Amino acid sequence: MALIQILLLSGPQQGKRLELSGEEFLFGRQADGDIPISGEFVSREHGMIAMIKGQWVLQNASPNGTQVNRKKVGRKGFKLVTQDIVQVGGEDVFQVIIPEATAPPEAQEKPVESSRSTSSKRSKIWGAIGAYLVLILFLMVYLGTLRTKDANTIEKPRELQVSEIEDIIRTPAKVSVPDPRAAADFLREAEELYSRQDASYSGTYRVYHAYQLALAHDRKAYFEDGLHQLRFDQIQKQLIDEVTIRYNEAFERLRSREYKAAEARFRKLNDYFPDTTTELFDNCEKQRRYILLMMKKYKR
C-alpha cells in the first residue's frame, strides 16, 4: 500500500500532518475530502494526487490552476518528490512528504558477476566517461566561439493585442463535473462580492470568476435572470478595461526602458488577474523574465 504524508500550511488546520495510504487522494475545499484545504482560489475538487507507475503525481482539476514550488502544473501533471510545496493562487497550501519506505523499489538484487564480466563493464564505464569528457570539452570550445556572436541578443516575448486580452478574459470557465448546487453557491458568492464592492487588489477578478463558475456549473452561457446578467456584463467589461490598461502601462515602461517599473507592473497584473492557466498570466511571466535579463545586462 502506497503511503504519503501531507503537512497543511494554511487554513484552520494549519500545521496538521495527514498520513494517507492508498493510490488516489483528492484535495480541495470539500470538508470531507482526502486533503481538505481552504483559500480564496481553492475549488471544491481542486485536484488529485495519484500513484502512477510507482511515482506520486499531482494533477490539477481547477480553472484556478495549481503550482508546485511556484511552477505551474500542466496537463500531464507534476511528479512529486518529498518536501515539494503546493500553492493555489500564490498561497502555500500544503507540503508533500514521501516516506523513504514507499519510494519505488530499485531492481531486485542481482547475482554476483564474474570478475571478467565486472572488469569488462568497468572498462566500458571508463570509456563512456572519457567520451563524455571529450564531448563536454568540445561543447565548451564551441560555446566559447559563440560568445562573441549575438552575445547581447535576448529574445523578446511578443506583446498581446487588446483583442487577445479580451478573448482570454471572455473565455468561459470549465469544470470537470457540473453541479447545480455549486452553481447556486458560486452565484450567491458573486452577488455578495458584488454588493460589497470588494476593495482588495483582485476584487474585480474574484467577482467575475465566481459568476463564471456559476455559469459553468449550471451549463449555461448566460444568466436567465436579467439583473444577474447585467451585473455579469458590467464586471466583465470592467475587468477587461482594467487589465488592458495595466498591461499597456507595463509595456509603456518597458518601451521606455524603465525596467524596474515595468517588471513591478507585470508582477502586479498577475496578482490582479491570478488565473495561472491563461496565456495572459504566462505572457506576463515571460515579460518579467525578459526584463530581469535586461536589467542584469544593463545593470539597471
Protein backbone atom coordinates (compact mmCIF):
# COMPACT_ATOMS: atom_id res chain seq x y z
CA MET A 1 0.00 0.00 0.00
CA ALA A 2 1.44 3.36 -1.06
CA LEU A 3 1.98 5.88 1.75
CA ILE A 4 2.22 9.67 1.66
CA GLN A 5 2.13 12.42 4.29
CA ILE A 6 0.62 15.88 3.84
CA LEU A 7 1.54 18.85 6.05
CA LEU A 8 -1.20 21.51 5.87
CA LEU A 9 0.27 25.03 5.58
CA SER A 10 -2.86 27.19 5.64
CA GLY A 11 -6.46 27.29 6.83
CA PRO A 12 -7.96 26.29 10.18
CA GLN A 13 -5.96 23.03 10.23
CA GLN A 14 -2.60 24.71 9.57
CA GLY A 15 0.26 22.62 10.96
CA LYS A 16 -1.71 19.35 10.92
CA ARG A 17 0.02 16.34 9.34
CA LEU A 18 -2.12 13.84 7.42
CA GLU A 19 -0.89 10.26 6.93
CA LEU A 20 -2.61 8.72 3.91
CA SER A 21 -2.44 5.26 2.40
CA GLY A 22 -3.89 4.32 -0.98
CA GLU A 23 -3.48 5.18 -4.64
CA GLU A 24 -5.53 8.38 -5.15
CA PHE A 25 -6.31 11.36 -2.93
CA LEU A 26 -8.48 14.37 -3.76
CA PHE A 27 -7.63 17.82 -2.44
CA GLY A 28 -9.89 20.86 -2.35
CA ARG A 29 -12.23 22.80 -0.11
CA GLN A 30 -14.66 19.93 0.44
CA ALA A 31 -14.69 19.31 4.19
CA ASP A 32 -14.88 15.54 3.73
CA GLY A 33 -12.14 15.38 1.06
CA ASP A 34 -8.94 13.39 1.50
CA ILE A 35 -6.87 16.57 1.77
CA PRO A 36 -9.11 19.45 2.90
CA ILE A 37 -7.62 22.86 2.09
CA SER A 38 -9.04 26.35 2.05
CA GLY A 39 -8.21 29.59 0.31
CA GLU A 40 -9.60 32.31 -1.91
CA PHE A 41 -8.94 30.39 -5.14
CA VAL A 42 -9.37 26.81 -3.92
CA SER A 43 -12.10 24.84 -5.75
CA ARG A 44 -14.26 22.14 -4.18
CA GLU A 45 -12.43 19.40 -6.07
CA HIS A 46 -9.28 21.29 -6.91
CA GLY A 47 -7.02 18.39 -7.90
CA MET A 48 -5.70 14.93 -7.15
CA ILE A 49 -2.53 13.20 -6.01
CA ALA A 50 -2.24 9.73 -7.56
CA MET A 51 0.31 6.93 -7.66
CA ILE A 52 1.15 6.42 -11.35
CA LYS A 53 3.77 3.86 -12.38
CA GLY A 54 5.41 3.98 -8.97
CA GLN A 55 5.54 7.79 -8.84
CA TRP A 56 3.32 10.23 -6.93
CA VAL A 57 1.86 12.68 -9.47
CA LEU A 58 -0.17 15.83 -8.71
CA GLN A 59 -2.90 16.66 -11.24
CA ASN A 60 -4.83 19.93 -11.44
CA ALA A 61 -8.62 19.88 -11.96
CA SER A 62 -9.44 23.54 -11.32
CA PRO A 63 -9.56 26.52 -13.71
CA ASN A 64 -7.80 28.48 -10.96
CA GLY A 65 -4.69 26.38 -11.54
CA THR A 66 -2.19 24.78 -9.17
CA GLN A 67 1.54 25.31 -8.70
CA VAL A 68 4.26 23.16 -7.16
CA ASN A 69 7.31 25.06 -5.91
CA ARG A 70 5.90 28.10 -7.81
CA LYS A 71 5.86 26.12 -11.10
CA LYS A 72 2.58 25.77 -12.98
CA VAL A 73 1.10 22.26 -13.09
CA GLY A 74 0.40 21.34 -16.73
CA ARG A 75 -1.95 18.87 -18.32
CA LYS A 76 0.37 15.90 -17.74
CA GLY A 77 0.59 16.64 -14.03
CA PHE A 78 3.63 17.20 -11.82
CA LYS A 79 5.85 14.40 -10.49
CA LEU A 80 6.26 14.93 -6.76
CA VAL A 81 9.26 14.43 -4.52
CA THR A 82 9.43 14.81 -0.77
CA GLN A 83 9.39 18.39 0.60
CA ASP A 84 7.56 19.75 -2.50
CA ILE A 85 5.24 22.65 -1.59
CA VAL A 86 1.90 23.08 -3.35
CA GLN A 87 0.41 26.53 -4.00
CA VAL A 88 -3.04 27.72 -5.08
CA GLY A 89 -3.49 31.37 -6.06
CA GLY A 90 0.07 32.09 -4.92
CA GLU A 91 -0.58 30.81 -1.36
CA ASP A 92 1.21 27.77 0.12
CA VAL A 93 -1.50 25.22 0.98
CA PHE A 94 0.37 22.02 1.81
CA GLN A 95 3.70 20.24 1.72
CA VAL A 96 4.26 16.71 0.45
CA ILE A 97 6.34 14.28 2.48
CA ILE A 98 7.08 10.89 0.89
CA PRO A 99 8.41 8.29 3.37
CA GLU A 100 11.54 6.56 2.10
CA ALA A 101 9.92 3.19 2.66
CA THR A 102 7.34 3.95 -0.04
CA ALA A 103 9.81 5.04 -2.70
CA PRO A 104 9.69 2.89 -5.86
CA PRO A 105 11.83 -0.20 -5.27
CA GLU A 106 15.01 -0.49 -7.29
CA ALA A 107 15.79 -3.52 -9.36
CA GLN A 108 15.94 -6.81 -7.41
CA GLU A 109 19.30 -7.94 -6.11
CA LYS A 110 21.38 -9.26 -8.99
CA PRO A 111 23.52 -12.39 -8.81
CA VAL A 112 27.27 -11.93 -8.30
CA GLU A 113 29.00 -11.47 -11.64
CA SER A 114 32.32 -12.98 -12.62
CA SER A 115 35.47 -10.86 -12.23
CA ARG A 116 35.97 -10.88 -16.01
CA SER A 117 32.46 -9.52 -16.62
CA THR A 118 32.93 -6.91 -13.89
CA SER A 119 36.27 -5.82 -15.36
CA SER A 120 34.73 -5.55 -18.82
CA LYS A 121 31.90 -3.41 -17.53
CA ARG A 122 34.34 -1.15 -15.69
CA SER A 123 36.31 -0.63 -18.90
CA LYS A 124 33.14 0.31 -20.73
CA ILE A 125 32.19 2.73 -17.97
CA TRP A 126 35.59 4.45 -18.05
CA GLY A 127 35.39 4.58 -21.85
CA ALA A 128 31.98 6.24 -21.63
CA ILE A 129 33.28 8.74 -19.06
CA GLY A 130 36.20 9.60 -21.34
CA ALA A 131 33.88 10.15 -24.31
CA TYR A 132 31.62 12.30 -22.14
CA LEU A 133 34.54 14.50 -21.03
CA VAL A 134 35.67 14.92 -24.65
CA LEU A 135 32.14 15.95 -25.61
CA ILE A 136 31.98 18.46 -22.74
CA LEU A 137 35.33 19.94 -23.81
CA PHE A 138 34.08 20.26 -27.39
CA LEU A 139 30.90 21.99 -26.26
CA MET A 140 32.86 24.42 -24.09
CA VAL A 141 35.07 25.38 -27.03
CA TYR A 142 32.06 25.69 -29.35
CA LEU A 143 30.09 27.83 -26.90
CA GLY A 144 33.16 29.99 -26.40
CA THR A 145 33.21 30.77 -30.11
CA LEU A 146 29.56 31.75 -29.94
CA ARG A 147 30.11 34.09 -27.03
CA THR A 148 31.31 36.88 -29.31
CA LYS A 149 28.43 36.27 -31.74
CA ASP A 150 24.99 37.54 -30.76
CA ALA A 151 26.19 37.83 -27.15
CA ASN A 152 23.83 40.66 -26.50
CA THR A 153 20.79 39.11 -28.18
CA ILE A 154 17.92 38.36 -25.80
CA GLU A 155 14.68 37.12 -27.31
CA LYS A 156 11.83 39.48 -26.52
CA PRO A 157 8.37 37.97 -25.85
CA ARG A 158 5.58 39.19 -28.09
CA GLU A 159 3.07 41.78 -26.94
CA LEU A 160 -0.55 40.65 -26.62
CA GLN A 161 -3.11 42.64 -28.57
CA VAL A 162 -6.21 44.15 -26.93
CA SER A 163 -8.44 41.70 -28.81
CA GLU A 164 -6.40 38.78 -27.47
CA ILE A 165 -6.74 40.01 -23.90
CA GLU A 166 -10.50 40.38 -24.37
CA ASP A 167 -10.76 36.83 -25.76
CA ILE A 168 -8.78 35.44 -22.83
CA ILE A 169 -10.99 37.15 -20.25
CA ARG A 170 -14.22 36.25 -22.07
CA THR A 171 -13.29 32.55 -22.30
CA PRO A 172 -15.88 30.62 -20.23
CA ALA A 173 -14.71 28.72 -17.16
CA LYS A 174 -14.58 24.93 -17.36
CA VAL A 175 -15.46 22.40 -14.67
CA SER A 176 -14.98 18.65 -14.75
CA VAL A 177 -18.42 17.83 -13.34
CA PRO A 178 -21.32 20.36 -13.47
CA ASP A 179 -23.11 20.76 -10.15
CA PRO A 180 -26.35 22.81 -9.77
CA ARG A 181 -25.74 23.17 -6.04
CA ALA A 182 -22.25 24.51 -6.65
CA ALA A 183 -23.70 26.86 -9.28
CA ALA A 184 -26.07 28.31 -6.70
CA ASP A 185 -23.22 28.67 -4.17
CA PHE A 186 -20.97 30.49 -6.66
CA LEU A 187 -23.81 32.78 -7.75
CA ARG A 188 -24.50 33.66 -4.12
CA GLU A 189 -20.78 34.32 -3.59
CA ALA A 190 -20.64 36.52 -6.70
CA GLU A 191 -23.63 38.57 -5.56
CA GLU A 192 -22.14 39.04 -2.09
CA LEU A 193 -18.80 40.18 -3.53
CA TYR A 194 -20.57 42.48 -5.99
CA SER A 195 -22.65 44.09 -3.28
CA ARG A 196 -19.60 44.66 -1.07
CA GLN A 197 -17.58 46.10 -3.96
CA ASP A 198 -14.51 44.35 -2.57
CA ALA A 199 -11.60 46.78 -2.41
CA SER A 200 -8.88 44.10 -2.49
CA TYR A 201 -6.46 44.21 -5.42
CA SER A 202 -8.04 41.19 -7.16
CA GLY A 203 -11.61 42.10 -6.14
CA THR A 204 -12.99 42.55 -9.67
CA TYR A 205 -11.49 39.24 -10.80
CA ARG A 206 -12.98 37.42 -7.81
CA VAL A 207 -16.50 38.68 -8.60
CA TYR A 208 -16.16 37.83 -12.30
CA HIS A 209 -14.67 34.39 -11.67
CA ALA A 210 -17.46 33.48 -9.24
CA TYR A 211 -20.03 34.43 -11.90
CA GLN A 212 -18.12 32.35 -14.47
CA LEU A 213 -18.10 29.27 -12.22
CA ALA A 214 -21.82 29.69 -11.54
CA LEU A 215 -22.48 29.57 -15.29
CA ALA A 216 -20.09 26.66 -15.84
CA HIS A 217 -21.64 24.51 -13.11
CA ASP A 218 -25.11 25.30 -14.50
CA ARG A 219 -24.01 24.56 -18.10
CA LYS A 220 -25.27 27.94 -19.30
CA ALA A 221 -23.79 30.66 -21.48
CA TYR A 222 -25.75 33.46 -19.82
CA PHE A 223 -27.95 34.15 -16.80
CA GLU A 224 -31.68 33.93 -17.31
CA ASP A 225 -32.18 36.50 -14.57
CA GLY A 226 -31.73 39.90 -16.19
CA LEU A 227 -30.17 41.52 -13.12
CA HIS A 228 -27.52 38.82 -12.78
CA GLN A 229 -26.67 39.07 -16.48
CA LEU A 230 -26.45 42.86 -16.27
CA ARG A 231 -24.02 42.67 -13.36
CA PHE A 232 -22.00 39.95 -15.09
CA ASP A 233 -21.66 42.06 -18.26
CA GLN A 234 -20.69 45.10 -16.18
CA ILE A 235 -17.99 43.23 -14.22
CA GLN A 236 -16.67 41.61 -17.40
CA LYS A 237 -16.24 44.98 -19.13
CA GLN A 238 -14.68 46.49 -16.01
CA LEU A 239 -12.17 43.64 -15.78
CA ILE A 240 -11.25 43.85 -19.47
CA ASP A 241 -10.71 47.62 -19.21
CA GLU A 242 -8.62 47.40 -16.04
CA VAL A 243 -6.45 44.52 -17.27
CA THR A 244 -5.88 46.21 -20.65
CA ILE A 245 -4.89 49.50 -19.02
CA ARG A 246 -2.44 47.77 -16.65
CA TYR A 247 -0.93 45.69 -19.47
CA ASN A 248 -0.43 48.77 -21.66
CA GLU A 249 1.08 50.71 -18.74
CA ALA A 250 3.59 47.92 -18.18
CA PHE A 251 4.58 47.95 -21.85
CA GLU A 252 4.95 51.73 -21.87
CA ARG A 253 7.50 51.38 -19.07
CA LEU A 254 9.23 48.58 -20.97
CA ARG A 255 9.49 50.62 -24.17
CA SER A 256 10.98 53.47 -22.14
CA ARG A 257 13.49 51.01 -20.63
CA GLU A 258 12.15 51.69 -17.15
CA TYR A 259 12.78 48.05 -16.35
CA LYS A 260 12.14 48.06 -12.62
CA ALA A 261 8.81 49.84 -13.04
CA ALA A 262 7.82 47.55 -15.93
CA GLU A 263 8.67 44.37 -14.01
CA ALA A 264 6.68 45.56 -11.00
CA ARG A 265 3.63 46.30 -13.16
CA PHE A 266 3.67 42.90 -14.88
CA ARG A 267 4.00 41.23 -11.46
CA LYS A 268 1.10 43.23 -10.04
CA LEU A 269 -1.00 42.43 -13.11
CA ASN A 270 -0.62 38.72 -12.37
CA ASP A 271 -1.67 39.44 -8.79
CA TYR A 272 -4.70 41.32 -10.13
CA PHE A 273 -5.62 38.59 -12.65
CA PRO A 274 -4.23 35.44 -10.96
CA ASP A 275 -5.54 32.76 -13.36
CA THR A 276 -2.35 30.76 -13.95
CA THR A 277 -4.00 28.68 -16.70
CA THR A 278 -4.29 31.58 -19.17
CA GLU A 279 -1.94 32.87 -21.86
CA LEU A 280 -2.17 36.31 -20.21
CA PHE A 281 -0.59 35.06 -16.98
CA ASP A 282 2.07 33.14 -18.94
CA ASN A 283 2.87 36.15 -21.12
CA CYS A 284 3.32 38.42 -18.10
CA GLU A 285 5.71 35.89 -16.56
CA LYS A 286 7.73 35.77 -19.81
CA GLN A 287 7.85 39.56 -19.90
CA ARG A 288 9.13 39.61 -16.32
CA ARG A 289 11.87 37.08 -17.09
CA TYR A 290 12.90 39.09 -20.16
CA ILE A 291 13.01 42.29 -18.11
CA LEU A 292 15.13 40.70 -15.40
CA LEU A 293 17.63 39.56 -18.05
CA MET A 294 17.73 43.07 -19.48
CA MET A 295 18.25 44.55 -16.02
CA LYS A 296 21.14 42.16 -15.48
CA LYS A 297 22.57 43.02 -18.88
CA TYR A 298 22.45 46.78 -18.36
CA LYS A 299 22.78 46.62 -14.56
CA ARG A 300 19.88 48.99 -14.02
